[in-house]
C-alpha atoms as a PDB file:
ATOM      1  CA  UNK A   1      -6.805  -1.644  21.893  1.00  0.00           C
ATOM      2  CA  UNK A   2      -6.126   1.392  19.559  1.00  0.00           C
ATOM      3  CA  UNK A   3      -8.584   3.290  21.380  1.00  0.00           C
ATOM      4  CA  UNK A   4      -7.039   2.682  25.254  1.00  0.00           C
ATOM      5  CA  UNK A   5      -3.688   3.074  23.806  1.00  0.00           C
ATOM      6  CA  UNK A   6      -4.676   6.342  22.373  1.00  0.00           C
ATOM      7  CA  UNK A   7      -6.491   7.783  25.949  1.00  0.00           C
ATOM      8  CA  UNK A   8      -3.097   6.378  27.668  1.00  0.00           C
ATOM      9  CA  UNK A   9      -0.592   8.835  25.079  1.00  0.00           C
ATOM     10  CA  UNK A  10      -2.948  11.372  25.501  1.00  0.00           C
ATOM     11  CA  UNK A  11      -2.769  10.722  29.844  1.00  0.00           C
ATOM     12  CA  UNK A  12       0.552  10.698  29.624  1.00  0.00           C
ATOM     13  CA  UNK A  13       1.584  13.877  26.738  1.00  0.00           C
ATOM     14  CA  UNK A  14      -1.179  15.650  29.277  1.00  0.00           C
ATOM     15  CA  UNK A  15       0.435  14.637  32.448  1.00  0.00           C
ATOM     16  CA  UNK A  16       3.901  15.581  31.505  1.00  0.00           C
ATOM     17  CA  UNK A  17       3.242  19.008  30.093  1.00  0.00           C
ATOM     18  CA  UNK A  18       0.899  20.226  32.831  1.00  0.00           C
ATOM     19  CA  UNK A  19       1.184  17.408  35.744  1.00  0.00           C
ATOM     20  CA  UNK A  20      -1.897  15.243  36.633  1.00  0.00           C
ATOM     21  CA  UNK A  21      -2.298  17.128  40.054  1.00  0.00           C
ATOM     22  CA  UNK A  22      -4.227  19.631  38.284  1.00  0.00           C
ATOM     23  CA  UNK A  23      -7.449  17.751  36.673  1.00  0.00           C
ATOM     24  CA  UNK A  24      -6.356  17.444  33.350  1.00  0.00           C
ATOM     25  CA  UNK A  25      -5.813  13.673  33.208  1.00  0.00           C
ATOM     26  CA  UNK A  26      -9.547  12.993  35.163  1.00  0.00           C
ATOM     27  CA  UNK A  27     -11.166  15.530  32.948  1.00  0.00           C
ATOM     28  CA  UNK A  28     -10.148  14.005  29.611  1.00  0.00           C
ATOM     29  CA  UNK A  29     -12.301  10.261  31.061  1.00  0.00           C
ATOM     30  CA  UNK A  30     -15.539  12.846  30.557  1.00  0.00           C
ATOM     31  CA  UNK A  31     -14.386  12.257  26.762  1.00  0.00           C
ATOM     32  CA  UNK A  32     -16.000  10.516  24.504  1.00  0.00           C
ATOM     33  CA  UNK A  33     -12.694   8.161  22.004  1.00  0.00           C
ATOM     34  CA  UNK A  34     -13.714  10.878  19.524  1.00  0.00           C
ATOM     35  CA  UNK A  35     -13.529  13.444  21.413  1.00  0.00           C
ATOM     36  CA  UNK A  36     -10.070  12.274  22.854  1.00  0.00           C
ATOM     37  CA  UNK A  37      -8.827  12.019  19.245  1.00  0.00           C
ATOM     38  CA  UNK A  38      -9.677  15.116  18.592  1.00  0.00           C
ATOM     39  CA  UNK A  39      -7.848  16.719  21.212  1.00  0.00           C
ATOM     40  CA  UNK A  40      -4.912  14.545  20.635  1.00  0.00           C
ATOM     41  CA  UNK A  41      -5.031  15.969  16.674  1.00  0.00           C
ATOM     42  CA  UNK A  42      -5.749  19.754  17.296  1.00  0.00           C
ATOM     43  CA  UNK A  43      -3.393  20.842  21.291  1.00  0.00           C
ATOM     44  CA  UNK A  44      -1.347  18.035  20.637  1.00  0.00           C
ATOM     45  CA  UNK A  45      -0.056  17.308  17.782  1.00  0.00           C
ATOM     46  CA  UNK A  46      -1.396  20.798  15.742  1.00  0.00           C
ATOM     47  CA  UNK A  47      -3.099  18.790  12.589  1.00  0.00           C
ATOM     48  CA  UNK A  48      -5.476  21.792  11.510  1.00  0.00           C
ATOM     49  CA  UNK A  49      -9.725  21.839  11.089  1.00  0.00           C
ATOM     50  CA  UNK A  50      -8.971  20.937   7.794  1.00  0.00           C
ATOM     51  CA  UNK A  51      -6.823  17.954   8.354  1.00  0.00           C
ATOM     52  CA  UNK A  52      -9.057  16.965  11.439  1.00  0.00           C
ATOM     53  CA  UNK A  53     -11.868  17.121   9.137  1.00  0.00           C
ATOM     54  CA  UNK A  54     -10.469  15.009   6.438  1.00  0.00           C
ATOM     55  CA  UNK A  55      -9.208  12.558   8.894  1.00  0.00           C
ATOM     56  CA  UNK A  56     -13.384  12.102  10.146  1.00  0.00           C
ATOM     57  CA  UNK A  57     -14.670  12.575   7.044  1.00  0.00           C
ATOM     58  CA  UNK A  58     -16.591  15.297   8.003  1.00  0.00           C
ATOM     59  CA  UNK A  59     -17.073  19.110   7.517  1.00  0.00           C
ATOM     60  CA  UNK A  60     -14.451  21.495   8.865  1.00  0.00           C
ATOM     61  CA  UNK A  61     -17.999  23.455  10.129  1.00  0.00           C
ATOM     62  CA  UNK A  62     -18.383  19.575  11.971  1.00  0.00           C
ATOM     63  CA  UNK A  63     -15.464  20.160  13.216  1.00  0.00           C
ATOM     64  CA  UNK A  64     -15.635  23.638  14.735  1.00  0.00           C
ATOM     65  CA  UNK A  65     -18.830  22.668  16.528  1.00  0.00           C
ATOM     66  CA  UNK A  66     -16.685  19.295  18.012  1.00  0.00           C
ATOM     67  CA  UNK A  67     -14.342  21.376  19.421  1.00  0.00           C
ATOM     68  CA  UNK A  68     -16.752  23.576  21.042  1.00  0.00           C
ATOM     69  CA  UNK A  69     -18.725  21.153  22.457  1.00  0.00           C
ATOM     70  CA  UNK A  70     -16.275  18.903  23.388  1.00  0.00           C
ATOM     71  CA  UNK A  71     -14.163  21.810  25.092  1.00  0.00           C
ATOM     72  CA  UNK A  72     -17.654  22.859  26.937  1.00  0.00           C
ATOM     73  CA  UNK A  73     -17.047  19.307  28.503  1.00  0.00           C
ATOM     74  CA  UNK A  74     -13.961  19.351  29.043  1.00  0.00           C
ATOM     75  CA  UNK A  75     -13.866  23.674  30.756  1.00  0.00           C
ATOM     76  CA  UNK A  76     -16.575  22.135  33.199  1.00  0.00           C
ATOM     77  CA  UNK A  77     -15.286  19.203  34.371  1.00  0.00           C
ATOM     78  CA  UNK A  78     -12.039  20.853  35.204  1.00  0.00           C
ATOM     79  CA  UNK A  79     -14.313  23.964  36.960  1.00  0.00           C
END
């Protein structure tokens, strides 16, 4: 239930800022729940890489790697 709430919140936030017509909301559908959390924390809530790493329980390098993989996946969906 919490995952569904987060998904809806992220999609609503993107819709408000960018509009659903540009495909961002649809592109979020290809991301895993963990990747959507990372989008929310980094780009909506403004968490640092260190804060994200602490939340997930991995190193900052691990968060950087996850961010890069997620962004590649996300960009490929938008193009």
